[in-house]
């Protein structure tokens, strides 16, 4: 392993805050919260499975193998896409809303 985070354990509870997911979880006006589950592990696994299928299809079509380099933090950061886009495009930080869904 290489890079500045090479010694950080790659488990869900660590990756939620590092990927930005925690900033979206919690109650309005409250502190950020972890989800209470290891959902980042499943998210990373799903992205890795998709990468494997893509690599296999590439090999079938071209005969060439692929090197897969997938970070757990990055795969979970993709789950914050609309909040990141809202901040990048409009400068608005998405507030935490608990389990409330605005209509």
PDB file of N, CA and C in Angstrom:
ATOM      1  N   UNK A   1       0.835  -1.184   0.000  1.00  0.00           N
ATOM      2  CA  UNK A   1       0.000   0.000   0.000  1.00  0.00           C
ATOM      3  C   UNK A   1       0.878   1.245   0.000  1.00  0.00           C
ATOM      4  N   UNK A   2       0.342   2.283  -0.613  1.00  0.00           N
ATOM      5  CA  UNK A   2       1.073   3.548  -0.657  1.00  0.00           C
ATOM      6  C   UNK A   2       0.094   4.683  -0.384  1.00  0.00           C
ATOM      7  N   UNK A   3       0.610   5.860  -0.242  1.00  0.00           N
ATOM      8  CA  UNK A   3      -0.230   7.031  -0.020  1.00  0.00           C
ATOM      9  C   UNK A   3      -0.325   7.413   1.441  1.00  0.00           C
ATOM     10  N   UNK A   4      -0.861   8.597   1.702  1.00  0.00           N
ATOM     11  CA  UNK A   4      -0.889   9.118   3.067  1.00  0.00           C
ATOM     12  C   UNK A   4      -1.814   8.349   4.010  1.00  0.00           C
ATOM     13  N   UNK A   5      -2.765   7.599   3.487  1.00  0.00           N
ATOM     14  CA  UNK A   5      -3.708   6.865   4.341  1.00  0.00           C
ATOM     15  C   UNK A   5      -3.409   5.369   4.393  1.00  0.00           C
ATOM     16  N   UNK A   6      -2.212   4.980   4.001  1.00  0.00           N
ATOM     17  CA  UNK A   6      -1.891   3.558   3.913  1.00  0.00           C
ATOM     18  C   UNK A   6      -1.988   2.823   5.245  1.00  0.00           C
ATOM     19  N   UNK A   7      -1.860   3.515   6.364  1.00  0.00           N
ATOM     20  CA  UNK A   7      -1.934   2.852   7.671  1.00  0.00           C
ATOM     21  C   UNK A   7      -3.297   3.002   8.351  1.00  0.00           C
ATOM     22  N   UNK A   8      -4.263   3.595   7.661  1.00  0.00           N
ATOM     23  CA  UNK A   8      -5.609   3.759   8.214  1.00  0.00           C
ATOM     24  C   UNK A   8      -6.400   2.484   7.941  1.00  0.00           C
ATOM     25  N   UNK A   9      -7.052   1.968   8.966  1.00  0.00           N
ATOM     26  CA  UNK A   9      -7.847   0.753   8.782  1.00  0.00           C
ATOM     27  C   UNK A   9      -9.062   1.047   7.917  1.00  0.00           C
ATOM     28  N   UNK A  10      -9.264   0.211   6.943  1.00  0.00           N
ATOM     29  CA  UNK A  10     -10.375   0.395   6.015  1.00  0.00           C
ATOM     30  C   UNK A  10     -11.623  -0.324   6.472  1.00  0.00           C
ATOM     31  N   UNK A  11     -12.297   0.217   7.472  1.00  0.00           N
ATOM     32  CA  UNK A  11     -13.559  -0.360   7.927  1.00  0.00           C
ATOM     33  C   UNK A  11     -14.637   0.720   7.874  1.00  0.00           C
ATOM     34  N   UNK A  12     -15.886   0.285   7.852  1.00  0.00           N
ATOM     35  CA  UNK A  12     -17.001   1.206   7.682  1.00  0.00           C
ATOM     36  C   UNK A  12     -17.010   2.386   8.624  1.00  0.00           C
ATOM     37  N   UNK A  13     -16.791   2.140   9.911  1.00  0.00           N
ATOM     38  CA  UNK A  13     -16.844   3.212  10.897  1.00  0.00           C
ATOM     39  C   UNK A  13     -15.789   4.279  10.697  1.00  0.00           C
ATOM     40  N   UNK A  14     -14.689   3.926  10.070  1.00  0.00           N
ATOM     41  CA  UNK A  14     -13.628   4.881   9.768  1.00  0.00           C
ATOM     42  C   UNK A  14     -13.913   5.608   8.460  1.00  0.00           C
ATOM     43  N   UNK A  15     -14.449   4.877   7.494  1.00  0.00           N
ATOM     44  CA  UNK A  15     -14.647   5.444   6.164  1.00  0.00           C
ATOM     45  C   UNK A  15     -15.846   6.375   6.064  1.00  0.00           C
ATOM     46  N   UNK A  16     -16.862   6.197   6.910  1.00  0.00           N
ATOM     47  CA  UNK A  16     -18.027   7.093   6.841  1.00  0.00           C
ATOM     48  C   UNK A  16     -17.632   8.555   7.012  1.00  0.00           C
ATOM     49  N   UNK A  17     -16.929   8.930   8.079  1.00  0.00           N
ATOM     50  CA  UNK A  17     -16.560  10.346   8.205  1.00  0.00           C
ATOM     51  C   UNK A  17     -15.533  10.791   7.169  1.00  0.00           C
ATOM     52  N   UNK A  18     -14.611   9.916   6.806  1.00  0.00           N
ATOM     53  CA  UNK A  18     -13.572  10.307   5.854  1.00  0.00           C
ATOM     54  C   UNK A  18     -14.134  10.536   4.454  1.00  0.00           C
ATOM     55  N   UNK A  19     -15.214   9.841   4.111  1.00  0.00           N
ATOM     56  CA  UNK A  19     -15.790   9.980   2.774  1.00  0.00           C
ATOM     57  C   UNK A  19     -16.821  11.098   2.685  1.00  0.00           C
ATOM     58  N   UNK A  20     -17.230  11.636   3.831  1.00  0.00           N
ATOM     59  CA  UNK A  20     -18.223  12.700   3.837  1.00  0.00           C
ATOM     60  C   UNK A  20     -19.631  12.230   4.149  1.00  0.00           C
ATOM     61  N   UNK A  21     -19.856  10.919   4.203  1.00  0.00           N
ATOM     62  CA  UNK A  21     -21.201  10.412   4.489  1.00  0.00           C
ATOM     63  C   UNK A  21     -21.718  10.904   5.834  1.00  0.00           C
ATOM     64  N   UNK A  22     -20.861  10.926   6.833  1.00  0.00           N
ATOM     65  CA  UNK A  22     -21.277  11.318   8.178  1.00  0.00           C
ATOM     66  C   UNK A  22     -21.817  12.746   8.206  1.00  0.00           C
ATOM     67  N   UNK A  23     -21.292  13.609   7.351  1.00  0.00           N
ATOM     68  CA  UNK A  23     -21.756  15.002   7.346  1.00  0.00           C
ATOM     69  C   UNK A  23     -23.220  15.119   6.952  1.00  0.00           C
ATOM     70  N   UNK A  24     -23.763  14.097   6.305  1.00  0.00           N
ATOM     71  CA  UNK A  24     -25.160  14.117   5.871  1.00  0.00           C
ATOM     72  C   UNK A  24     -26.089  13.416   6.847  1.00  0.00           C
ATOM     73  N   UNK A  25     -25.522  12.732   7.837  1.00  0.00           N
ATOM     74  CA  UNK A  25     -26.324  11.939   8.769  1.00  0.00           C
ATOM     75  C   UNK A  25     -26.426  12.627  10.118  1.00  0.00           C
ATOM     76  N   UNK A  26     -27.578  12.576  10.725  1.00  0.00           N
ATOM     77  CA  UNK A  26     -27.801  13.185  12.026  1.00  0.00           C
ATOM     78  C   UNK A  26     -29.047  14.046  11.993  1.00  0.00           C
ATOM     79  N   UNK A  27     -29.385  14.596  13.136  1.00  0.00           N
ATOM     80  CA  UNK A  27     -30.603  15.390  13.245  1.00  0.00           C
ATOM     81  C   UNK A  27     -30.325  16.860  13.012  1.00  0.00           C
ATOM     82  N   UNK A  28     -31.329  17.563  12.536  1.00  0.00           N
ATOM     83  CA  UNK A  28     -31.210  18.984  12.236  1.00  0.00           C
ATOM     84  C   UNK A  28     -30.657  19.745  13.436  1.00  0.00           C
ATOM     85  N   UNK A  29     -29.615  20.507  13.205  1.00  0.00           N
ATOM     86  CA  UNK A  29     -28.983  21.281  14.259  1.00  0.00           C
ATOM     87  C   UNK A  29     -28.048  20.476  15.141  1.00  0.00           C
ATOM     88  N   UNK A  30     -27.992  19.173  14.928  1.00  0.00           N
ATOM     89  CA  UNK A  30     -27.148  18.313  15.755  1.00  0.00           C
ATOM     90  C   UNK A  30     -25.809  18.018  15.112  1.00  0.00           C
ATOM     91  N   UNK A  31     -25.045  17.212  15.817  1.00  0.00           N
ATOM     92  CA  UNK A  31     -23.726  16.828  15.322  1.00  0.00           C
ATOM     93  C   UNK A  31     -23.847  15.731  14.273  1.00  0.00           C
ATOM     94  N   UNK A  32     -22.855  15.618  13.394  1.00  0.00           N
ATOM     95  CA  UNK A  32     -22.847  14.511  12.442  1.00  0.00           C
ATOM     96  C   UNK A  32     -22.825  13.173  13.184  1.00  0.00           C
ATOM     97  N   UNK A  33     -23.404  12.147  12.564  1.00  0.00           N
ATOM     98  CA  UNK A  33     -23.466  10.823  13.176  1.00  0.00           C
ATOM     99  C   UNK A  33     -23.059   9.762  12.157  1.00  0.00           C
ATOM    100  N   UNK A  34     -22.447   8.698  12.641  1.00  0.00           N
ATOM    101  CA  UNK A  34     -22.263   7.527  11.795  1.00  0.00           C
ATOM    102  C   UNK A  34     -23.607   6.832  11.650  1.00  0.00           C
ATOM    103  N   UNK A  35     -23.751   6.007  10.641  1.00  0.00           N
ATOM    104  CA  UNK A  35     -25.024   5.346  10.370  1.00  0.00           C
ATOM    105  C   UNK A  35     -25.359   4.276  11.403  1.00  0.00           C
ATOM    106  N   UNK A  36     -24.367   3.785  12.116  1.00  0.00           N
ATOM    107  CA  UNK A  36     -24.604   2.722  13.087  1.00  0.00           C
ATOM    108  C   UNK A  36     -24.490   1.341  12.471  1.00  0.00           C
ATOM    109  N   UNK A  37     -24.154   1.290  11.202  1.00  0.00           N
ATOM    110  CA  UNK A  37     -23.951   0.005  10.532  1.00  0.00           C
ATOM    111  C   UNK A  37     -22.647   0.086   9.747  1.00  0.00           C
ATOM    112  N   UNK A  38     -22.283  -0.986   9.156  1.00  0.00           N
ATOM    113  CA  UNK A  38     -21.059  -1.001   8.353  1.00  0.00           C
ATOM    114  C   UNK A  38     -21.401  -0.875   6.871  1.00  0.00           C
ATOM    115  N   UNK A  39     -22.341   0.003   6.556  1.00  0.00           N
ATOM    116  CA  UNK A  39     -22.780   0.199   5.177  1.00  0.00           C
ATOM    117  C   UNK A  39     -21.626   0.566   4.236  1.00  0.00           C
ATOM    118  N   UNK A  40     -20.597   1.299   4.679  1.00  0.00           N
ATOM    119  CA  UNK A  40     -19.490   1.578   3.761  1.00  0.00           C
ATOM    120  C   UNK A  40     -18.797   0.313   3.255  1.00  0.00           C
ATOM    121  N   UNK A  41     -18.788  -0.753   4.064  1.00  0.00           N
ATOM    122  CA  UNK A  41     -18.195  -2.008   3.603  1.00  0.00           C
ATOM    123  C   UNK A  41     -18.980  -2.565   2.420  1.00  0.00           C
ATOM    124  N   UNK A  42     -20.308  -2.539   2.527  1.00  0.00           N
ATOM    125  CA  UNK A  42     -21.159  -3.048   1.450  1.00  0.00           C
ATOM    126  C   UNK A  42     -21.069  -2.170   0.206  1.00  0.00           C
ATOM    127  N   UNK A  43     -21.013  -0.857   0.395  1.00  0.00           N
ATOM    128  CA  UNK A  43     -20.908   0.061  -0.744  1.00  0.00           C
ATOM    129  C   UNK A  43     -19.613  -0.205  -1.506  1.00  0.00           C
ATOM    130  N   UNK A  44     -18.507  -0.310  -0.783  1.00  0.00           N
ATOM    131  CA  UNK A  44     -17.216  -0.574  -1.433  1.00  0.00           C
ATOM    132  C   UNK A  44     -17.242  -1.924  -2.136  1.00  0.00           C
ATOM    133  N   UNK A  45     -17.859  -2.917  -1.507  1.00  0.00           N
ATOM    134  CA  UNK A  45     -17.965  -4.239  -2.125  1.00  0.00           C
ATOM    135  C   UNK A  45     -18.747  -4.203  -3.425  1.00  0.00           C
ATOM    136  N   UNK A  46     -19.820  -3.431  -3.455  1.00  0.00           N
ATOM    137  CA  UNK A  46     -20.624  -3.317  -4.677  1.00  0.00           C
ATOM    138  C   UNK A  46     -19.831  -2.653  -5.799  1.00  0.00           C
ATOM    139  N   UNK A  47     -19.099  -1.586  -5.479  1.00  0.00           N
ATOM    140  CA  UNK A  47     -18.268  -0.926  -6.493  1.00  0.00           C
ATOM    141  C   UNK A  47     -17.160  -1.856  -6.981  1.00  0.00           C
ATOM    142  N   UNK A  48     -16.589  -2.633  -6.050  1.00  0.00           N
ATOM    143  CA  UNK A  48     -15.526  -3.555  -6.444  1.00  0.00           C
ATOM    144  C   UNK A  48     -16.079  -4.650  -7.350  1.00  0.00           C
ATOM    145  N   UNK A  49     -17.277  -5.163  -7.035  1.00  0.00           N
ATOM    146  CA  UNK A  49     -17.901  -6.178  -7.888  1.00  0.00           C
ATOM    147  C   UNK A  49     -18.137  -5.626  -9.294  1.00  0.00           C
ATOM    148  N   UNK A  50     -18.595  -4.380  -9.380  1.00  0.00           N
ATOM    149  CA  UNK A  50     -18.806  -3.752 -10.686  1.00  0.00           C
ATOM    150  C   UNK A  50     -17.487  -3.611 -11.441  1.00  0.00           C
ATOM    151  N   UNK A  51     -16.421  -3.266 -10.732  1.00  0.00           N
ATOM    152  CA  UNK A  51     -15.103  -3.138 -11.370  1.00  0.00           C
ATOM    153  C   UNK A  51     -14.614  -4.485 -11.890  1.00  0.00           C
ATOM    154  N   UNK A  52     -14.853  -5.546 -11.125  1.00  0.00           N
ATOM    155  CA  UNK A  52     -14.444  -6.886 -11.555  1.00  0.00           C
ATOM    156  C   UNK A  52     -15.198  -7.296 -12.814  1.00  0.00           C
ATOM    157  N   UNK A  53     -16.514  -7.084 -12.825  1.00  0.00           N
ATOM    158  CA  UNK A  53     -17.312  -7.430 -14.006  1.00  0.00           C
ATOM    159  C   UNK A  53     -16.832  -6.640 -15.221  1.00  0.00           C
ATOM    160  N   UNK A  54     -16.546  -5.363 -15.027  1.00  0.00           N
ATOM    161  CA  UNK A  54     -16.050  -4.531 -16.120  1.00  0.00           C
ATOM    162  C   UNK A  54     -14.710  -5.046 -16.633  1.00  0.00           C
ATOM    163  N   UNK A  55     -13.822  -5.439 -15.729  1.00  0.00           N
ATOM    164  CA  UNK A  55     -12.509  -5.963 -16.125  1.00  0.00           C
ATOM    165  C   UNK A  55     -12.650  -7.282 -16.882  1.00  0.00           C
ATOM    166  N   UNK A  56     -13.559  -8.129 -16.428  1.00  0.00           N
ATOM    167  CA  UNK A  56     -13.780  -9.407 -17.121  1.00  0.00           C
ATOM    168  C   UNK A  56     -14.320  -9.160 -18.523  1.00  0.00           C
ATOM    169  N   UNK A  57     -15.264  -8.237 -18.670  1.00  0.00           N
ATOM    170  CA  UNK A  57     -15.805  -7.913 -19.998  1.00  0.00           C
ATOM    171  C   UNK A  57     -14.701  -7.355 -20.908  1.00  0.00           C
ATOM    172  N   UNK A  58     -13.839  -6.527 -20.353  1.00  0.00           N
ATOM    173  CA  UNK A  58     -12.728  -5.981 -21.133  1.00  0.00           C
ATOM    174  C   UNK A  58     -11.815  -7.111 -21.607  1.00  0.00           C
ATOM    175  N   UNK A  59     -11.525  -8.049 -20.715  1.00  0.00           N
ATOM    176  CA  UNK A  59     -10.661  -9.177 -21.087  1.00  0.00           C
ATOM    177  C   UNK A  59     -11.303 -10.015 -22.187  1.00  0.00           C
ATOM    178  N   UNK A  60     -12.617 -10.250 -22.071  1.00  0.00           N
ATOM    179  CA  UNK A  60     -13.318 -11.037 -23.090  1.00  0.00           C
ATOM    180  C   UNK A  60     -13.265 -10.357 -24.454  1.00  0.00           C
ATOM    181  N   UNK A  61     -13.335  -9.047 -24.478  1.00  0.00           N
ATOM    182  CA  UNK A  61     -13.359  -8.307 -25.738  1.00  0.00           C
ATOM    183  C   UNK A  61     -11.980  -8.086 -26.339  1.00  0.00           C
ATOM    184  N   UNK A  62     -10.963  -7.896 -25.462  1.00  0.00           N
ATOM    185  CA  UNK A  62      -9.642  -7.505 -25.966  1.00  0.00           C
ATOM    186  C   UNK A  62      -8.548  -8.528 -25.693  1.00  0.00           C
ATOM    187  N   UNK A  63      -8.781  -9.432 -24.757  1.00  0.00           N
ATOM    188  CA  UNK A  63      -7.742 -10.370 -24.352  1.00  0.00           C
ATOM    189  C   UNK A  63      -6.762  -9.779 -23.353  1.00  0.00           C
ATOM    190  N   UNK A  64      -6.956  -8.526 -22.974  1.00  0.00           N
ATOM    191  CA  UNK A  64      -6.066  -7.852 -22.029  1.00  0.00           C
ATOM    192  C   UNK A  64      -6.655  -7.871 -20.628  1.00  0.00           C
ATOM    193  N   UNK A  65      -5.785  -8.032 -19.653  1.00  0.00           N
ATOM    194  CA  UNK A  65      -6.206  -7.960 -18.264  1.00  0.00           C
ATOM    195  C   UNK A  65      -6.264  -6.516 -17.789  1.00  0.00           C
ATOM    196  N   UNK A  66      -6.790  -6.322 -16.620  1.00  0.00           N
ATOM    197  CA  UNK A  66      -6.920  -4.991 -16.037  1.00  0.00           C
ATOM    198  C   UNK A  66      -6.372  -4.994 -14.617  1.00  0.00           C
ATOM    199  N   UNK A  67      -5.838  -3.870 -14.193  1.00  0.00           N
ATOM    200  CA  UNK A  67      -5.413  -3.668 -12.810  1.00  0.00           C
ATOM    201  C   UNK A  67      -6.480  -2.812 -12.148  1.00  0.00           C
ATOM    202  N   UNK A  68      -7.061  -3.317 -11.064  1.00  0.00           N
ATOM    203  CA  UNK A  68      -8.122  -2.587 -10.371  1.00  0.00           C
ATOM    204  C   UNK A  68      -7.543  -1.947  -9.113  1.00  0.00           C
ATOM    205  N   UNK A  69      -7.679  -0.638  -9.017  1.00  0.00           N
ATOM    206  CA  UNK A  69      -7.246   0.108  -7.838  1.00  0.00           C
ATOM    207  C   UNK A  69      -8.453   0.893  -7.347  1.00  0.00           C
ATOM    208  N   UNK A  70      -9.112   0.368  -6.335  1.00  0.00           N
ATOM    209  CA  UNK A  70     -10.345   0.971  -5.848  1.00  0.00           C
ATOM    210  C   UNK A  70     -10.206   1.276  -4.372  1.00  0.00           C
ATOM    211  N   UNK A  71     -10.342   2.531  -4.012  1.00  0.00           N
ATOM    212  CA  UNK A  71     -10.256   2.934  -2.620  1.00  0.00           C
ATOM    213  C   UNK A  71     -11.619   2.899  -1.949  1.00  0.00           C
ATOM    214  N   UNK A  72     -11.645   2.425  -0.723  1.00  0.00           N
ATOM    215  CA  UNK A  72     -12.894   2.359   0.026  1.00  0.00           C
ATOM    216  C   UNK A  72     -13.456   3.758   0.290  1.00  0.00           C
ATOM    217  N   UNK A  73     -12.596   4.691   0.609  1.00  0.00           N
ATOM    218  CA  UNK A  73     -13.054   6.051   0.880  1.00  0.00           C
ATOM    219  C   UNK A  73     -13.662   6.671  -0.378  1.00  0.00           C
ATOM    220  N   UNK A  74     -13.007   6.515  -1.505  1.00  0.00           N
ATOM    221  CA  UNK A  74     -13.495   7.104  -2.743  1.00  0.00           C
ATOM    222  C   UNK A  74     -14.816   6.480  -3.176  1.00  0.00           C
ATOM    223  N   UNK A  75     -14.941   5.155  -3.030  1.00  0.00           N
ATOM    224  CA  UNK A  75     -16.191   4.519  -3.442  1.00  0.00           C
ATOM    225  C   UNK A  75     -17.354   4.988  -2.578  1.00  0.00           C
ATOM    226  N   UNK A  76     -17.106   5.290  -1.318  1.00  0.00           N
ATOM    227  CA  UNK A  76     -18.163   5.803  -0.446  1.00  0.00           C
ATOM    228  C   UNK A  76     -18.416   7.284  -0.679  1.00  0.00           C
ATOM    229  N   UNK A  77     -17.392   8.022  -1.057  1.00  0.00           N
ATOM    230  CA  UNK A  77     -17.578   9.449  -1.351  1.00  0.00           C
ATOM    231  C   UNK A  77     -18.530   9.638  -2.525  1.00  0.00           C
ATOM    232  N   UNK A  78     -18.587   8.657  -3.422  1.00  0.00           N
ATOM    233  CA  UNK A  78     -19.509   8.747  -4.555  1.00  0.00           C
ATOM    234  C   UNK A  78     -20.965   8.783  -4.099  1.00  0.00           C
ATOM    235  N   UNK A  79     -21.244   8.314  -2.899  1.00  0.00           N
ATOM    236  CA  UNK A  79     -22.609   8.305  -2.380  1.00  0.00           C
ATOM    237  C   UNK A  79     -23.055   9.693  -1.915  1.00  0.00           C
ATOM    238  N   UNK A  80     -22.154  10.642  -1.873  1.00  0.00           N
ATOM    239  CA  UNK A  80     -22.487  12.006  -1.444  1.00  0.00           C
ATOM    240  C   UNK A  80     -22.637  12.942  -2.638  1.00  0.00           C
ATOM    241  N   UNK A  81     -22.713  12.387  -3.825  1.00  0.00           N
ATOM    242  CA  UNK A  81     -22.662  13.157  -5.065  1.00  0.00           C
ATOM    243  C   UNK A  81     -23.552  14.370  -5.148  1.00  0.00           C
ATOM    244  N   UNK A  82     -24.850  14.225  -4.838  1.00  0.00           N
ATOM    245  CA  UNK A  82     -25.738  15.371  -4.988  1.00  0.00           C
ATOM    246  C   UNK A  82     -25.430  16.465  -3.975  1.00  0.00           C
ATOM    247  N   UNK A  83     -25.013  16.094  -2.768  1.00  0.00           N
ATOM    248  CA  UNK A  83     -24.648  17.103  -1.763  1.00  0.00           C
ATOM    249  C   UNK A  83     -23.373  17.831  -2.175  1.00  0.00           C
ATOM    250  N   UNK A  84     -22.416  17.098  -2.737  1.00  0.00           N
ATOM    251  CA  UNK A  84     -21.174  17.716  -3.211  1.00  0.00           C
ATOM    252  C   UNK A  84     -21.477  18.643  -4.384  1.00  0.00           C
ATOM    253  N   UNK A  85     -22.317  18.195  -5.291  1.00  0.00           N
ATOM    254  CA  UNK A  85     -22.689  19.024  -6.439  1.00  0.00           C
ATOM    255  C   UNK A  85     -23.405  20.294  -5.987  1.00  0.00           C
ATOM    256  N   UNK A  86     -24.300  20.161  -5.016  1.00  0.00           N
ATOM    257  CA  UNK A  86     -25.017  21.335  -4.504  1.00  0.00           C
ATOM    258  C   UNK A  86     -24.051  22.358  -3.907  1.00  0.00           C
ATOM    259  N   UNK A  87     -23.045  21.877  -3.176  1.00  0.00           N
ATOM    260  CA  UNK A  87     -22.063  22.792  -2.588  1.00  0.00           C
ATOM    261  C   UNK A  87     -21.176  23.405  -3.677  1.00  0.00           C
ATOM    262  N   UNK A  88     -20.714  22.565  -4.601  1.00  0.00           N
ATOM    263  CA  UNK A  88     -19.812  23.038  -5.646  1.00  0.00           C
ATOM    264  C   UNK A  88     -20.497  24.050  -6.560  1.00  0.00           C
ATOM    265  N   UNK A  89     -21.728  23.777  -6.937  1.00  0.00           N
ATOM    266  CA  UNK A  89     -22.431  24.639  -7.886  1.00  0.00           C
ATOM    267  C   UNK A  89     -23.048  25.871  -7.233  1.00  0.00           C
ATOM    268  N   UNK A  90     -23.560  25.721  -6.003  1.00  0.00           N
ATOM    269  CA  UNK A  90     -24.331  26.802  -5.395  1.00  0.00           C
ATOM    270  C   UNK A  90     -23.784  27.322  -4.074  1.00  0.00           C
ATOM    271  N   UNK A  91     -22.756  26.660  -3.536  1.00  0.00           N
ATOM    272  CA  UNK A  91     -22.188  27.088  -2.264  1.00  0.00           C
ATOM    273  C   UNK A  91     -23.053  26.770  -1.058  1.00  0.00           C
ATOM    274  N   UNK A  92     -24.071  25.917  -1.237  1.00  0.00           N
ATOM    275  CA  UNK A  92     -24.961  25.563  -0.126  1.00  0.00           C
ATOM    276  C   UNK A  92     -24.532  24.243   0.501  1.00  0.00           C
ATOM    277  N   UNK A  93     -24.453  24.241   1.829  1.00  0.00           N
ATOM    278  CA  UNK A  93     -24.133  23.021   2.573  1.00  0.00           C
ATOM    279  C   UNK A  93     -25.448  22.328   2.901  1.00  0.00           C
ATOM    280  N   UNK A  94     -25.547  21.066   2.542  1.00  0.00           N
ATOM    281  CA  UNK A  94     -26.760  20.295   2.805  1.00  0.00           C
ATOM    282  C   UNK A  94     -26.935  20.108   4.299  1.00  0.00           C
ATOM    283  N   UNK A  95     -28.071  20.531   4.863  1.00  0.00           N
ATOM    284  CA  UNK A  95     -28.276  20.358   6.310  1.00  0.00           C
ATOM    285  C   UNK A  95     -28.646  18.912   6.644  1.00  0.00           C
ATOM    286  N   UNK A  96     -28.341  18.521   7.863  1.00  0.00           N
ATOM    287  CA  UNK A  96     -28.777  17.212   8.341  1.00  0.00           C
ATOM    288  C   UNK A  96     -30.257  17.318   8.684  1.00  0.00           C
ATOM    289  N   UNK A  97     -31.029  16.275   8.360  1.00  0.00           N
ATOM    290  CA  UNK A  97     -32.470  16.329   8.576  1.00  0.00           C
ATOM    291  C   UNK A  97     -32.999  15.145   9.378  1.00  0.00           C
ATOM    292  N   UNK A  98     -32.122  14.342   9.970  1.00  0.00           N
ATOM    293  CA  UNK A  98     -32.603  13.173  10.704  1.00  0.00           C
ATOM    294  C   UNK A  98     -33.330  12.234   9.772  1.00  0.00           C
ATOM    295  N   UNK A  99     -34.515  11.788  10.161  1.00  0.00           N
ATOM    296  CA  UNK A  99     -35.273  10.892   9.296  1.00  0.00           C
ATOM    297  C   UNK A  99     -36.415  11.624   8.586  1.00  0.00           C
ATOM    298  N   UNK A 100     -36.328  12.951   8.525  1.00  0.00           N
ATOM    299  CA  UNK A 100     -37.339  13.780   7.864  1.00  0.00           C
ATOM    300  C   UNK A 100     -37.025  13.880   6.378  1.00  0.00           C
ATOM    301  N   UNK A 101     -38.043  13.743   5.552  1.00  0.00           N
ATOM    302  CA  UNK A 101     -37.870  13.909   4.109  1.00  0.00           C
ATOM    303  C   UNK A 101     -38.757  15.060   3.652  1.00  0.00           C
ATOM    304  N   UNK A 102     -38.163  16.144   3.181  1.00  0.00           N
ATOM    305  CA  UNK A 102     -38.986  17.284   2.751  1.00  0.00           C
ATOM    306  C   UNK A 102     -39.750  16.939   1.480  1.00  0.00           C
ATOM    307  N   UNK A 103     -40.944  17.453   1.370  1.00  0.00           N
ATOM    308  CA  UNK A 103     -41.749  17.207   0.156  1.00  0.00           C
ATOM    309  C   UNK A 103     -41.790  18.441  -0.691  1.00  0.00           C
TER     310      UNK A 103
END
